[in-house]
PDB file of N, CA and C in Angstrom:
ATOM      1  N   MET A   1      17.404  24.255 -15.645  1.00  0.00           N
ATOM      2  CA  MET A   1      17.822  23.879 -14.310  1.00  0.00           C
ATOM      3  C   MET A   1      17.042  24.658 -13.251  1.00  0.00           C
ATOM      4  N   ILE A   2      16.590  25.864 -13.587  1.00  0.00           N
ATOM      5  CA  ILE A   2      15.859  26.686 -12.624  1.00  0.00           C
ATOM      6  C   ILE A   2      14.550  26.009 -12.221  1.00  0.00           C
ATOM      7  N   GLY A   3      13.848  25.401 -13.182  1.00  0.00           N
ATOM      8  CA  GLY A   3      12.586  24.739 -12.897  1.00  0.00           C
ATOM      9  C   GLY A   3      12.729  23.534 -11.984  1.00  0.00           C
ATOM     10  N   LEU A   4      13.907  22.971 -11.891  1.00  0.00           N
ATOM     11  CA  LEU A   4      14.146  21.801 -11.052  1.00  0.00           C
ATOM     12  C   LEU A   4      13.835  22.096  -9.592  1.00  0.00           C
ATOM     13  N   PHE A   5      14.069  23.294  -9.127  1.00  0.00           N
ATOM     14  CA  PHE A   5      13.810  23.651  -7.735  1.00  0.00           C
ATOM     15  C   PHE A   5      12.314  23.742  -7.445  1.00  0.00           C
ATOM     16  N   ARG A   6      11.505  23.878  -8.490  1.00  0.00           N
ATOM     17  CA  ARG A   6      10.063  23.954  -8.304  1.00  0.00           C
ATOM     18  C   ARG A   6       9.386  22.595  -8.442  1.00  0.00           C
ATOM     19  N   LEU A   7      10.170  21.566  -8.718  1.00  0.00           N
ATOM     20  CA  LEU A   7       9.655  20.213  -8.880  1.00  0.00           C
ATOM     21  C   LEU A   7       9.162  19.688  -7.539  1.00  0.00           C
ATOM     22  N   GLU A   8       7.958  19.160  -7.539  1.00  0.00           N
ATOM     23  CA  GLU A   8       7.382  18.614  -6.307  1.00  0.00           C
ATOM     24  C   GLU A   8       7.065  17.146  -6.539  1.00  0.00           C
ATOM     25  N   LEU A   9       7.635  16.268  -5.724  1.00  0.00           N
ATOM     26  CA  LEU A   9       7.407  14.834  -5.843  1.00  0.00           C
ATOM     27  C   LEU A   9       6.298  14.410  -4.894  1.00  0.00           C
ATOM     28  N   LYS A  10       5.407  13.565  -5.399  1.00  0.00           N
ATOM     29  CA  LYS A  10       4.345  13.016  -4.557  1.00  0.00           C
ATOM     30  C   LYS A  10       4.463  11.504  -4.611  1.00  0.00           C
ATOM     31  N   ASN A  11       4.510  10.899  -3.458  1.00  0.00           N
ATOM     32  CA  ASN A  11       4.673   9.462  -3.356  1.00  0.00           C
ATOM     33  C   ASN A  11       3.509   8.894  -2.549  1.00  0.00           C
ATOM     34  N   ASP A  12       2.328   8.857  -3.164  1.00  0.00           N
ATOM     35  CA  ASP A  12       1.135   8.391  -2.477  1.00  0.00           C
ATOM     36  C   ASP A  12       0.410   7.398  -3.379  1.00  0.00           C
ATOM     37  N   ILE A  13       0.513   6.112  -3.052  1.00  0.00           N
ATOM     38  CA  ILE A  13      -0.084   5.079  -3.895  1.00  0.00           C
ATOM     39  C   ILE A  13      -1.598   5.230  -3.991  1.00  0.00           C
ATOM     40  N   ARG A  14      -2.207   5.845  -2.985  1.00  0.00           N
ATOM     41  CA  ARG A  14      -3.662   6.034  -3.017  1.00  0.00           C
ATOM     42  C   ARG A  14      -4.088   6.940  -4.161  1.00  0.00           C
ATOM     43  N   SER A  15      -3.175   7.753  -4.675  1.00  0.00           N
ATOM     44  CA  SER A  15      -3.530   8.636  -5.780  1.00  0.00           C
ATOM     45  C   SER A  15      -3.644   7.884  -7.104  1.00  0.00           C
ATOM     46  N   LEU A  16      -3.209   6.630  -7.135  1.00  0.00           N
ATOM     47  CA  LEU A  16      -3.267   5.850  -8.364  1.00  0.00           C
ATOM     48  C   LEU A  16      -4.648   5.261  -8.622  1.00  0.00           C
ATOM     49  N   TYR A  17      -5.464   5.136  -7.584  1.00  0.00           N
ATOM     50  CA  TYR A  17      -6.765   4.495  -7.737  1.00  0.00           C
ATOM     51  C   TYR A  17      -7.756   5.118  -6.765  1.00  0.00           C
ATOM     52  N   ARG A  18      -8.898   5.491  -7.271  1.00  0.00           N
ATOM     53  CA  ARG A  18      -9.974   6.024  -6.438  1.00  0.00           C
ATOM     54  C   ARG A  18     -11.156   5.072  -6.519  1.00  0.00           C
ATOM     55  N   MET A  19     -11.590   4.575  -5.375  1.00  0.00           N
ATOM     56  CA  MET A  19     -12.707   3.664  -5.305  1.00  0.00           C
ATOM     57  C   MET A  19     -14.024   4.431  -5.375  1.00  0.00           C
ATOM     58  N   SER A  20     -14.976   3.885  -6.096  1.00  0.00           N
ATOM     59  CA  SER A  20     -16.292   4.513  -6.159  1.00  0.00           C
ATOM     60  C   SER A  20     -16.959   4.390  -4.790  1.00  0.00           C
ATOM     61  N   PRO A  21     -17.881   5.290  -4.465  1.00  0.00           N
ATOM     62  CA  PRO A  21     -18.578   5.197  -3.178  1.00  0.00           C
ATOM     63  C   PRO A  21     -19.304   3.860  -3.003  1.00  0.00           C
ATOM     64  N   GLU A  22     -19.867   3.336  -4.085  1.00  0.00           N
ATOM     65  CA  GLU A  22     -20.571   2.048  -4.002  1.00  0.00           C
ATOM     66  C   GLU A  22     -19.614   0.915  -3.654  1.00  0.00           C
ATOM     67  N   LEU A  23     -18.448   0.915  -4.285  1.00  0.00           N
ATOM     68  CA  LEU A  23     -17.461  -0.122  -4.017  1.00  0.00           C
ATOM     69  C   LEU A  23     -16.915   0.009  -2.604  1.00  0.00           C
ATOM     70  N   LYS A  24     -16.722   1.242  -2.133  1.00  0.00           N
ATOM     71  CA  LYS A  24     -16.257   1.464  -0.763  1.00  0.00           C
ATOM     72  C   LYS A  24     -17.250   0.889   0.241  1.00  0.00           C
ATOM     73  N   THR A  25     -18.530   1.152   0.005  1.00  0.00           N
ATOM     74  CA  THR A  25     -19.578   0.643   0.891  1.00  0.00           C
ATOM     75  C   THR A  25     -19.592  -0.878   0.865  1.00  0.00           C
ATOM     76  N   SER A  26     -19.480  -1.442  -0.320  1.00  0.00           N
ATOM     77  CA  SER A  26     -19.480  -2.890  -0.476  1.00  0.00           C
ATOM     78  C   SER A  26     -18.278  -3.514   0.227  1.00  0.00           C
ATOM     79  N   GLU A  27     -17.115  -2.892   0.100  1.00  0.00           N
ATOM     80  CA  GLU A  27     -15.909  -3.415   0.750  1.00  0.00           C
ATOM     81  C   GLU A  27     -16.032  -3.351   2.273  1.00  0.00           C
ATOM     82  N   ALA A  28     -16.601  -2.261   2.780  1.00  0.00           N
ATOM     83  CA  ALA A  28     -16.790  -2.132   4.228  1.00  0.00           C
ATOM     84  C   ALA A  28     -17.740  -3.208   4.742  1.00  0.00           C
ATOM     85  N   LEU A  29     -18.809  -3.493   3.990  1.00  0.00           N
ATOM     86  CA  LEU A  29     -19.757  -4.539   4.383  1.00  0.00           C
ATOM     87  C   LEU A  29     -19.076  -5.901   4.383  1.00  0.00           C
ATOM     88  N   ALA A  30     -18.308  -6.193   3.344  1.00  0.00           N
ATOM     89  CA  ALA A  30     -17.591  -7.472   3.265  1.00  0.00           C
ATOM     90  C   ALA A  30     -16.616  -7.610   4.429  1.00  0.00           C
ATOM     91  N   ALA A  31     -15.904  -6.548   4.768  1.00  0.00           N
ATOM     92  CA  ALA A  31     -14.952  -6.587   5.887  1.00  0.00           C
ATOM     93  C   ALA A  31     -15.677  -6.852   7.201  1.00  0.00           C
ATOM     94  N   ALA A  32     -16.860  -6.240   7.376  1.00  0.00           N
ATOM     95  CA  ALA A  32     -17.625  -6.444   8.607  1.00  0.00           C
ATOM     96  C   ALA A  32     -18.133  -7.884   8.694  1.00  0.00           C
ATOM     97  N   VAL A  33     -18.646  -8.402   7.576  1.00  0.00           N
ATOM     98  CA  VAL A  33     -19.173  -9.767   7.566  1.00  0.00           C
ATOM     99  C   VAL A  33     -18.060 -10.780   7.818  1.00  0.00           C
ATOM    100  N   LEU A  34     -16.909 -10.554   7.211  1.00  0.00           N
ATOM    101  CA  LEU A  34     -15.784 -11.481   7.356  1.00  0.00           C
ATOM    102  C   LEU A  34     -14.952 -11.213   8.605  1.00  0.00           C
ATOM    103  N   ASN A  35     -15.308 -10.146   9.330  1.00  0.00           N
ATOM    104  CA  ASN A  35     -14.557  -9.743  10.523  1.00  0.00           C
ATOM    105  C   ASN A  35     -13.080  -9.514  10.179  1.00  0.00           C
ATOM    106  N   HIS A  36     -12.868  -8.821   9.078  1.00  0.00           N
ATOM    107  CA  HIS A  36     -11.506  -8.545   8.616  1.00  0.00           C
ATOM    108  C   HIS A  36     -11.475  -7.122   8.079  1.00  0.00           C
ATOM    109  N   GLY A  37     -10.740  -6.281   8.725  1.00  0.00           N
ATOM    110  CA  GLY A  37     -10.654  -4.894   8.279  1.00  0.00           C
ATOM    111  C   GLY A  37      -9.387  -4.632   7.497  1.00  0.00           C
ATOM    112  N   SER A  38      -9.347  -3.477   6.887  1.00  0.00           N
ATOM    113  CA  SER A  38      -8.169  -3.047   6.153  1.00  0.00           C
ATOM    114  C   SER A  38      -7.676  -1.749   6.765  1.00  0.00           C
ATOM    115  N   THR A  39      -6.371  -1.656   6.946  1.00  0.00           N
ATOM    116  CA  THR A  39      -5.803  -0.440   7.520  1.00  0.00           C
ATOM    117  C   THR A  39      -5.675   0.660   6.487  1.00  0.00           C
ATOM    118  N   GLY A  40      -5.761   0.301   5.214  1.00  0.00           N
ATOM    119  CA  GLY A  40      -5.582   1.287   4.159  1.00  0.00           C
ATOM    120  C   GLY A  40      -4.131   1.638   3.921  1.00  0.00           C
ATOM    121  N   VAL A  41      -3.222   0.890   4.538  1.00  0.00           N
ATOM    122  CA  VAL A  41      -1.792   1.131   4.391  1.00  0.00           C
ATOM    123  C   VAL A  41      -1.224   0.107   3.406  1.00  0.00           C
ATOM    124  N   TYR A  42      -0.458   0.585   2.451  1.00  0.00           N
ATOM    125  CA  TYR A  42       0.170  -0.287   1.472  1.00  0.00           C
ATOM    126  C   TYR A  42       1.682  -0.163   1.607  1.00  0.00           C
ATOM    127  N   ILE A  43       2.351  -1.289   1.577  1.00  0.00           N
ATOM    128  CA  ILE A  43       3.811  -1.293   1.651  1.00  0.00           C
ATOM    129  C   ILE A  43       4.322  -2.070   0.442  1.00  0.00           C
ATOM    130  N   LEU A  44       5.165  -1.437  -0.347  1.00  0.00           N
ATOM    131  CA  LEU A  44       5.754  -2.088  -1.513  1.00  0.00           C
ATOM    132  C   LEU A  44       7.133  -2.598  -1.132  1.00  0.00           C
ATOM    133  N   VAL A  45       7.383  -3.850  -1.442  1.00  0.00           N
ATOM    134  CA  VAL A  45       8.667  -4.470  -1.145  1.00  0.00           C
ATOM    135  C   VAL A  45       9.352  -4.775  -2.472  1.00  0.00           C
ATOM    136  N   GLU A  46      10.594  -4.369  -2.592  1.00  0.00           N
ATOM    137  CA  GLU A  46      11.343  -4.589  -3.824  1.00  0.00           C
ATOM    138  C   GLU A  46      12.635  -5.348  -3.536  1.00  0.00           C
ATOM    139  N   GLY A  47      13.135  -6.001  -4.549  1.00  0.00           N
ATOM    140  CA  GLY A  47      14.415  -6.684  -4.458  1.00  0.00           C
ATOM    141  C   GLY A  47      14.979  -6.858  -5.853  1.00  0.00           C
ATOM    142  N   ARG A  48      16.225  -7.285  -5.918  1.00  0.00           N
ATOM    143  CA  ARG A  48      16.864  -7.494  -7.228  1.00  0.00           C
ATOM    144  C   ARG A  48      16.208  -8.651  -7.983  1.00  0.00           C
ATOM    145  N   ASP A  49      15.714  -9.635  -7.238  1.00  0.00           N
ATOM    146  CA  ASP A  49      15.062 -10.790  -7.846  1.00  0.00           C
ATOM    147  C   ASP A  49      13.971 -11.286  -6.894  1.00  0.00           C
ATOM    148  N   GLU A  50      13.283 -12.337  -7.303  1.00  0.00           N
ATOM    149  CA  GLU A  50      12.166 -12.864  -6.513  1.00  0.00           C
ATOM    150  C   GLU A  50      12.605 -13.318  -5.121  1.00  0.00           C
ATOM    151  N   GLU A  51      13.743 -13.966  -5.033  1.00  0.00           N
ATOM    152  CA  GLU A  51      14.248 -14.468  -3.749  1.00  0.00           C
ATOM    153  C   GLU A  51      14.552 -13.324  -2.782  1.00  0.00           C
ATOM    154  N   GLU A  52      15.236 -12.301  -3.252  1.00  0.00           N
ATOM    155  CA  GLU A  52      15.551 -11.169  -2.384  1.00  0.00           C
ATOM    156  C   GLU A  52      14.269 -10.455  -1.942  1.00  0.00           C
ATOM    157  N   THR A  53      13.330 -10.310  -2.853  1.00  0.00           N
ATOM    158  CA  THR A  53      12.060  -9.667  -2.509  1.00  0.00           C
ATOM    159  C   THR A  53      11.338 -10.472  -1.441  1.00  0.00           C
ATOM    160  N   ARG A  54      11.314 -11.796  -1.586  1.00  0.00           N
ATOM    161  CA  ARG A  54      10.664 -12.661  -0.587  1.00  0.00           C
ATOM    162  C   ARG A  54      11.342 -12.522   0.778  1.00  0.00           C
ATOM    163  N   ARG A  55      12.676 -12.526   0.804  1.00  0.00           N
ATOM    164  CA  ARG A  55      13.398 -12.389   2.078  1.00  0.00           C
ATOM    165  C   ARG A  55      13.109 -11.046   2.735  1.00  0.00           C
ATOM    166  N   ARG A  56      13.081  -9.996   1.935  1.00  0.00           N
ATOM    167  CA  ARG A  56      12.788  -8.671   2.482  1.00  0.00           C
ATOM    168  C   ARG A  56      11.366  -8.597   3.030  1.00  0.00           C
ATOM    169  N   GLU A  57      10.435  -9.217   2.315  1.00  0.00           N
ATOM    170  CA  GLU A  57       9.054  -9.222   2.780  1.00  0.00           C
ATOM    171  C   GLU A  57       8.941  -9.981   4.110  1.00  0.00           C
ATOM    172  N   GLU A  58       9.575 -11.114   4.210  1.00  0.00           N
ATOM    173  CA  GLU A  58       9.539 -11.889   5.449  1.00  0.00           C
ATOM    174  C   GLU A  58      10.160 -11.119   6.609  1.00  0.00           C
ATOM    175  N   ALA A  59      11.255 -10.424   6.354  1.00  0.00           N
ATOM    176  CA  ALA A  59      11.896  -9.626   7.399  1.00  0.00           C
ATOM    177  C   ALA A  59      10.975  -8.482   7.830  1.00  0.00           C
ATOM    178  N   LEU A  60      10.321  -7.860   6.882  1.00  0.00           N
ATOM    179  CA  LEU A  60       9.406  -6.779   7.194  1.00  0.00           C
ATOM    180  C   LEU A  60       8.233  -7.288   8.034  1.00  0.00           C
ATOM    181  N   LEU A  61       7.666  -8.433   7.631  1.00  0.00           N
ATOM    182  CA  LEU A  61       6.553  -9.007   8.401  1.00  0.00           C
ATOM    183  C   LEU A  61       6.966  -9.323   9.823  1.00  0.00           C
ATOM    184  N   ALA A  62       8.183  -9.839   9.996  1.00  0.00           N
ATOM    185  CA  ALA A  62       8.678 -10.125  11.346  1.00  0.00           C
ATOM    186  C   ALA A  62       8.799  -8.840  12.161  1.00  0.00           C
ATOM    187  N   ASP A  63       9.258  -7.761  11.529  1.00  0.00           N
ATOM    188  CA  ASP A  63       9.378  -6.474  12.220  1.00  0.00           C
ATOM    189  C   ASP A  63       8.019  -5.889  12.606  1.00  0.00           C
ATOM    190  N   LEU A  64       6.985  -6.204  11.807  1.00  0.00           N
ATOM    191  CA  LEU A  64       5.663  -5.641  12.055  1.00  0.00           C
ATOM    192  C   LEU A  64       4.848  -6.449  13.067  1.00  0.00           C
ATOM    193  N   GLU A  65       5.324  -7.635  13.436  1.00  0.00           N
ATOM    194  CA  GLU A  65       4.602  -8.427  14.426  1.00  0.00           C
ATOM    195  C   GLU A  65       4.521  -7.655  15.742  1.00  0.00           C
ATOM    196  N   PRO A  66       3.376  -7.744  16.407  1.00  0.00           N
ATOM    197  CA  PRO A  66       3.233  -7.011  17.703  1.00  0.00           C
ATOM    198  C   PRO A  66       4.205  -7.495  18.755  1.00  0.00           C
TER     199      PRO A  66
END
Protein backbone atom coordinates (compact mmCIF):
# COMPACT_ATOMS: atom_id res chain seq x y z
CA MET A 1 0.00 0.00 0.00
CA ILE A 2 2.95 2.34 0.62
CA GLY A 3 3.99 2.22 -3.05
CA LEU A 4 0.52 3.37 -4.10
CA PHE A 5 1.35 6.94 -3.06
CA ARG A 6 4.31 6.94 -5.44
CA LEU A 7 2.17 5.86 -8.40
CA GLU A 8 2.17 8.44 -11.17
CA LEU A 9 -0.51 8.32 -13.87
CA LYS A 10 0.16 9.72 -17.33
CA ASN A 11 -2.73 10.31 -19.67
CA ASP A 12 -1.14 11.48 -22.92
CA ILE A 13 -2.25 9.76 -26.12
CA ARG A 14 0.75 11.24 -27.94
CA SER A 15 2.98 8.91 -25.94
CA LEU A 16 1.43 5.93 -27.71
CA TYR A 17 2.85 6.80 -31.13
CA ARG A 18 5.89 8.74 -32.29
CA MET A 19 5.98 9.86 -35.90
CA SER A 20 9.26 9.63 -37.77
CA PRO A 21 10.74 12.96 -38.92
CA GLU A 22 10.17 11.95 -42.55
CA LEU A 23 6.50 11.19 -41.95
CA LYS A 24 6.08 14.45 -40.02
CA THR A 25 7.53 16.39 -42.95
CA SER A 26 5.33 14.51 -45.39
CA GLU A 27 2.21 15.15 -43.30
CA ALA A 28 3.00 18.86 -43.05
CA LEU A 29 3.43 19.05 -46.85
CA ALA A 30 0.13 17.22 -47.43
CA ALA A 31 -1.66 19.57 -45.00
CA ALA A 32 -0.22 22.61 -46.79
CA VAL A 33 -1.18 21.30 -50.24
CA LEU A 34 -4.69 20.38 -49.11
CA ASN A 35 -5.02 23.58 -47.06
CA HIS A 36 -5.97 21.48 -44.05
CA GLY A 37 -4.02 21.59 -40.83
CA SER A 38 -4.09 19.45 -37.74
CA THR A 39 -4.26 20.87 -34.24
CA GLY A 40 -2.57 17.81 -32.79
CA VAL A 41 -5.39 17.50 -30.27
CA TYR A 42 -7.15 14.17 -29.88
CA ILE A 43 -10.44 13.70 -28.07
CA LEU A 44 -11.71 10.22 -27.24
CA VAL A 45 -15.46 9.83 -26.93
CA GLU A 46 -16.89 6.83 -25.11
CA GLY A 47 -20.35 5.48 -24.47
CA ARG A 48 -22.07 2.31 -23.30
CA ASP A 49 -22.91 1.45 -26.91
CA GLU A 50 -22.55 2.83 -30.44
CA GLU A 51 -25.67 5.02 -30.18
CA GLU A 52 -24.62 6.68 -26.93
CA THR A 53 -21.11 7.25 -28.28
CA ARG A 54 -22.55 8.87 -31.43
CA ARG A 55 -24.83 11.15 -29.37
CA ARG A 56 -21.95 12.19 -27.13
CA GLU A 57 -19.75 12.90 -30.13
CA GLU A 58 -22.45 15.05 -31.75
CA ALA A 59 -22.97 16.98 -28.52
CA LEU A 60 -19.23 17.55 -28.20
CA LEU A 61 -18.98 18.77 -31.81
CA ALA A 62 -21.83 21.20 -31.17
CA ASP A 63 -20.02 22.52 -28.08
CA LEU A 64 -16.80 22.98 -30.07
CA GLU A 65 -18.42 25.02 -32.84
CA PRO A 66 -17.16 28.63 -32.83
